[in-house]
Amino acid sequence: MHAIVIAGGKGTRLGPLTAETPKALMRFGEFTLLEITLLRLREAGADRVTLCVSHLGEVIRQVIGSGDALGIAVEYCHDPVPLGTAGPLRQVPHWEEPALVMNCDILTALDFGRLYRLHVDSGARMTVATQRRHVVVPFGVIEFAETGHEVRAIREKPSLPFDVSAGIYVVDPKAKDLIPMREPTDMPALMRALLEEGHSVQASSFTDVWHDIGTPAGYQAAQRDFAADPTAYLVPKIATPQP
């Protein structure tokens, strides 16, 4: 399995935390987030990982190197300026089979191997991992009768379910033909382009723990969960970080 990790963003929402440290290298105990991700990808069957880097990319190279210490082959694809979450895919070399693509600012216990197999079996051009989230509307919501004026009911602060993208995908290499050259492009735009061209985009819902660390609050919540149960995110036989 080939995996592609998008690690070129500036992490501006994290403020001073990412002034000199890429968000991919934010720490969780003895590990960086990227080390945790690479270890999980290795155990899921990935034998090759492409890190798409830009902002502070050399810092990532210095820490991760070739991936030998983590037991997985790591290569780099560098963009002079950040190109979003999909733009870097246009430049990935030797991408000939479906690849698991994910943002670098995710801490999750998702079974990457299962997601990959589901995509391959589906024959879709892209599969997106999704989670069900509930959003509370902080008002009383009015329901009208068919006339449009008569009130039928009122629901006080209802919780509405939504399926959200987890920032983890499996993508067929043919999808990169729809990505503009050297223009910032995000995954939602690529997904819309695929749908407009009539290609199949599948969703795979999961309930495993998942954190977006893109904000200080998200990072702190992820740190608390990791400290409470590191084995939920780490392979149990990995007790200490590799030198």
Protein backbone atom coordinates (compact mmCIF):
# COMPACT_ATOMS: atom_id res chain seq x y z
CA MET A 1 0.00 0.00 0.00
CA HIS A 2 1.24 3.46 -0.97
CA ALA A 3 0.31 6.28 1.43
CA ILE A 4 0.57 10.03 0.85
CA VAL A 5 0.62 12.40 3.82
CA ILE A 6 -0.08 16.08 3.13
CA ALA A 7 2.29 17.97 5.45
CA GLY A 8 2.89 21.31 3.74
CA GLY A 9 0.47 23.64 5.51
CA LYS A 10 1.57 26.50 7.76
CA GLY A 11 -0.71 25.56 10.65
CA THR A 12 -1.73 29.17 11.19
CA ARG A 13 -4.73 28.20 13.34
CA LEU A 14 -2.31 26.85 15.95
CA GLY A 15 -0.74 30.28 16.35
CA PRO A 16 2.70 30.41 17.98
CA LEU A 17 2.80 26.63 18.44
CA THR A 18 3.75 26.22 14.76
CA ALA A 19 5.96 29.30 14.37
CA GLU A 20 9.07 27.09 14.21
CA THR A 21 7.57 23.59 14.41
CA PRO A 22 5.53 21.97 11.60
CA LYS A 23 2.16 20.77 12.87
CA ALA A 24 3.12 17.27 11.70
CA LEU A 25 5.80 17.32 14.41
CA MET A 26 3.58 18.40 17.29
CA ARG A 27 4.38 16.18 20.25
CA PHE A 28 2.36 13.49 21.98
CA GLY A 29 4.46 12.24 24.85
CA GLU A 30 7.69 10.80 23.46
CA PHE A 31 6.41 10.78 19.90
CA THR A 32 5.65 13.33 17.22
CA LEU A 33 2.26 13.12 15.51
CA LEU A 34 3.92 12.14 12.24
CA GLU A 35 5.82 9.28 13.90
CA ILE A 36 2.55 7.93 15.28
CA THR A 37 0.94 8.16 11.85
CA LEU A 38 3.85 6.44 10.12
CA LEU A 39 3.87 3.60 12.65
CA ARG A 40 0.14 3.05 12.15
CA LEU A 41 0.53 3.13 8.38
CA ARG A 42 3.33 0.59 8.59
CA GLU A 43 1.22 -1.79 10.64
CA ALA A 44 -1.68 -1.31 8.21
CA GLY A 45 0.48 -2.62 5.36
CA ALA A 46 1.96 0.54 3.86
CA ASP A 47 5.43 -0.10 2.49
CA ARG A 48 5.94 3.36 0.99
CA VAL A 49 4.94 6.81 2.22
CA THR A 50 5.24 10.05 0.29
CA LEU A 51 5.39 13.14 2.49
CA CYS A 52 4.19 16.21 0.59
CA VAL A 53 6.02 19.06 2.32
CA SER A 54 6.39 22.81 1.87
CA HIS A 55 6.41 25.10 4.92
CA LEU A 56 9.27 23.99 7.24
CA GLY A 57 9.70 20.92 5.07
CA GLU A 58 13.40 20.67 5.86
CA VAL A 59 12.60 20.36 9.56
CA ILE A 60 10.41 17.35 8.78
CA ARG A 61 13.19 15.82 6.69
CA GLN A 62 15.66 16.24 9.55
CA VAL A 63 13.38 14.49 12.04
CA ILE A 64 11.91 11.70 9.88
CA GLY A 65 14.67 11.18 7.32
CA SER A 66 14.30 8.10 5.15
CA GLY A 67 11.96 6.40 7.60
CA ASP A 68 14.44 3.60 8.28
CA ALA A 69 14.25 4.13 12.05
CA LEU A 70 10.49 3.61 11.87
CA GLY A 71 10.66 0.62 9.56
CA ILE A 72 8.97 2.25 6.58
CA ALA A 73 10.28 3.82 3.36
CA VAL A 74 9.67 7.57 3.31
CA GLU A 75 10.13 9.83 0.29
CA TYR A 76 9.48 13.53 -0.15
CA CYS A 77 7.63 15.69 -2.63
CA HIS A 78 8.38 19.38 -2.08
CA ASP A 79 6.25 22.31 -3.19
CA PRO A 80 7.82 25.80 -3.09
CA VAL A 81 4.54 27.18 -1.71
CA PRO A 82 1.72 25.34 0.09
CA LEU A 83 -0.78 23.96 -2.43
CA GLY A 84 -3.64 22.93 -0.13
CA THR A 85 -4.78 19.41 0.67
CA ALA A 86 -5.14 18.20 -2.93
CA GLY A 87 -2.76 20.40 -4.98
CA PRO A 88 0.38 18.49 -3.88
CA LEU A 89 -1.00 15.24 -5.34
CA ARG A 90 -0.41 16.59 -8.86
CA GLN A 91 3.35 16.37 -8.29
CA VAL A 92 3.61 12.94 -6.60
CA PRO A 93 5.92 10.73 -8.70
CA HIS A 94 5.51 7.00 -9.36
CA TRP A 95 1.88 6.98 -8.24
CA GLU A 96 0.34 4.16 -10.22
CA GLU A 97 -2.07 2.42 -7.83
CA PRO A 98 -4.71 3.72 -5.39
CA ALA A 99 -3.05 5.51 -2.48
CA LEU A 100 -4.23 6.30 1.00
CA VAL A 101 -4.12 10.09 1.29
CA MET A 102 -4.43 11.93 4.60
CA ASN A 103 -3.80 15.27 6.23
CA CYS A 104 -0.90 15.40 8.66
CA ASP A 105 -2.87 17.03 11.50
CA ILE A 106 -4.94 13.96 12.40
CA LEU A 107 -4.62 11.66 15.40
CA THR A 108 -6.79 8.60 14.90
CA ALA A 109 -7.18 4.92 15.61
CA LEU A 110 -8.84 4.30 12.23
CA ASP A 111 -7.96 0.99 10.57
CA PHE A 112 -6.20 2.32 7.47
CA GLY A 113 -5.89 -1.14 5.94
CA ARG A 114 -9.63 -1.76 6.12
CA LEU A 115 -10.36 1.60 4.48
CA TYR A 116 -7.93 0.80 1.68
CA ARG A 117 -9.44 -2.63 1.04
CA LEU A 118 -12.97 -1.20 0.96
CA HIS A 119 -11.89 1.30 -1.68
CA VAL A 120 -10.19 -1.29 -3.88
CA ASP A 121 -13.25 -3.55 -3.71
CA SER A 122 -15.60 -0.65 -4.56
CA GLY A 123 -13.91 0.36 -7.82
CA ALA A 124 -14.54 4.04 -6.96
CA ARG A 125 -12.26 6.84 -8.09
CA MET A 126 -12.13 8.13 -4.48
CA THR A 127 -13.24 6.94 -1.05
CA VAL A 128 -13.59 9.38 1.84
CA ALA A 129 -13.55 8.33 5.50
CA THR A 130 -16.45 9.93 7.38
CA GLN A 131 -17.65 10.32 10.94
CA ARG A 132 -21.13 11.08 12.23
CA ARG A 133 -21.14 14.30 14.26
CA HIS A 134 -24.03 16.05 15.99
CA VAL A 135 -24.39 19.83 15.98
CA VAL A 136 -26.65 21.47 18.53
CA VAL A 137 -28.71 24.37 17.17
CA PRO A 138 -28.76 26.90 20.05
CA PHE A 139 -32.31 28.05 19.29
CA GLY A 140 -35.85 26.80 19.20
CA VAL A 141 -36.39 25.44 15.68
CA ILE A 142 -39.83 26.02 14.18
CA GLU A 143 -41.47 23.42 11.95
CA PHE A 144 -44.18 24.70 9.64
CA ALA A 145 -47.16 22.96 8.15
CA GLU A 146 -47.36 22.59 4.36
CA THR A 147 -49.10 25.97 4.13
CA GLY A 148 -45.83 27.62 5.13
CA HIS A 149 -47.42 29.81 7.82
CA GLU A 150 -49.03 27.53 10.38
CA VAL A 151 -46.64 26.32 13.08
CA ARG A 152 -46.71 22.54 13.41
CA ALA A 153 -44.09 22.09 16.15
CA ILE A 154 -41.11 23.62 17.88
CA ARG A 155 -37.94 21.76 18.81
CA GLU A 156 -35.83 23.39 21.50
CA LYS A 157 -32.09 23.28 20.75
CA PRO A 158 -32.21 20.13 18.59
CA SER A 159 -29.11 18.06 17.89
CA LEU A 160 -28.74 17.53 14.14
CA PRO A 161 -26.61 14.70 12.69
CA PHE A 162 -24.06 15.33 9.94
CA ASP A 163 -21.53 13.06 8.24
CA VAL A 164 -18.22 14.91 8.04
CA SER A 165 -15.01 14.23 6.16
CA ALA A 166 -12.23 12.98 8.42
CA GLY A 167 -9.47 14.21 6.10
CA ILE A 168 -8.52 10.64 5.17
CA TYR A 169 -9.09 9.25 1.69
CA VAL A 170 -8.12 6.56 -0.77
CA VAL A 171 -7.56 8.09 -4.20
CA ASP A 172 -7.03 6.58 -7.64
CA PRO A 173 -4.03 8.14 -9.42
CA LYS A 174 -6.26 9.07 -12.38
CA ALA A 175 -7.91 11.65 -10.11
CA LYS A 176 -4.84 13.89 -10.28
CA ASP A 177 -5.69 14.72 -13.90
CA LEU A 178 -8.43 16.97 -12.48
CA ILE A 179 -6.03 18.89 -10.22
CA PRO A 180 -4.71 22.18 -11.67
CA MET A 181 -0.94 22.41 -12.05
CA ARG A 182 0.75 24.40 -9.27
CA GLU A 183 -2.49 25.97 -8.03
CA PRO A 184 -3.71 25.65 -4.44
CA THR A 185 -6.50 23.06 -4.46
CA ASP A 186 -8.26 21.38 -1.55
CA MET A 187 -9.81 17.92 -1.40
CA PRO A 188 -13.44 19.15 -1.46
CA ALA A 189 -12.71 20.84 -4.81
CA LEU A 190 -11.21 17.61 -6.17
CA MET A 191 -14.21 15.66 -4.92
CA ARG A 192 -16.60 18.06 -6.65
CA ALA A 193 -14.58 17.83 -9.87
CA LEU A 194 -14.78 14.02 -9.79
CA LEU A 195 -18.54 14.12 -9.24
CA GLU A 196 -19.02 16.64 -12.05
CA GLU A 197 -17.10 14.33 -14.39
CA GLY A 198 -19.39 11.45 -13.42
CA HIS A 199 -16.83 9.45 -11.42
CA SER A 200 -17.81 7.39 -8.39
CA VAL A 201 -16.94 8.81 -4.95
CA GLN A 202 -17.66 6.47 -2.04
CA ALA A 203 -17.87 7.12 1.71
CA SER A 204 -16.71 4.81 4.48
CA SER A 205 -18.04 5.65 7.93
CA PHE A 206 -16.00 4.77 11.01
CA THR A 207 -16.41 5.14 14.76
CA ASP A 208 -12.77 4.83 15.85
CA VAL A 209 -11.39 7.73 17.85
CA TRP A 210 -10.39 10.70 15.67
CA HIS A 211 -8.94 14.11 16.46
CA ASP A 212 -8.22 17.12 14.24
CA ILE A 213 -5.34 18.92 15.97
CA GLY A 214 -5.54 21.99 13.72
CA THR A 215 -6.56 24.30 16.56
CA PRO A 216 -5.13 24.76 20.09
CA ALA A 217 -8.34 23.33 21.58
CA GLY A 218 -8.22 20.33 19.25
CA TYR A 219 -4.55 19.73 20.02
CA GLN A 220 -5.12 19.89 23.77
CA ALA A 221 -8.07 17.48 23.57
CA ALA A 222 -5.98 15.04 21.51
CA GLN A 223 -3.10 15.29 23.98
CA ARG A 224 -5.43 14.45 26.87
CA ASP A 225 -6.83 11.41 25.07
CA PHE A 226 -3.38 10.22 24.07
CA ALA A 227 -2.03 10.58 27.61
CA ALA A 228 -5.03 8.65 28.97
CA ASP A 229 -4.57 5.70 26.60
CA PRO A 230 -1.53 5.77 24.29
CA THR A 231 -2.17 2.18 23.15
CA ALA A 232 -5.34 3.34 21.41
CA TYR A 233 -3.08 5.10 18.91
CA LEU A 234 0.20 3.19 19.08
CA VAL A 235 0.95 -0.36 18.09
CA PRO A 236 1.07 -2.17 21.46
CA LYS A 237 4.49 -3.70 20.83
CA ILE A 238 5.99 -0.22 20.28
CA ALA A 239 6.93 0.86 23.81
CA THR A 240 9.51 3.58 23.08
CA PRO A 241 10.20 5.79 20.07
CA GLN A 242 12.76 4.57 17.58
CA PRO A 243 16.17 6.33 17.80
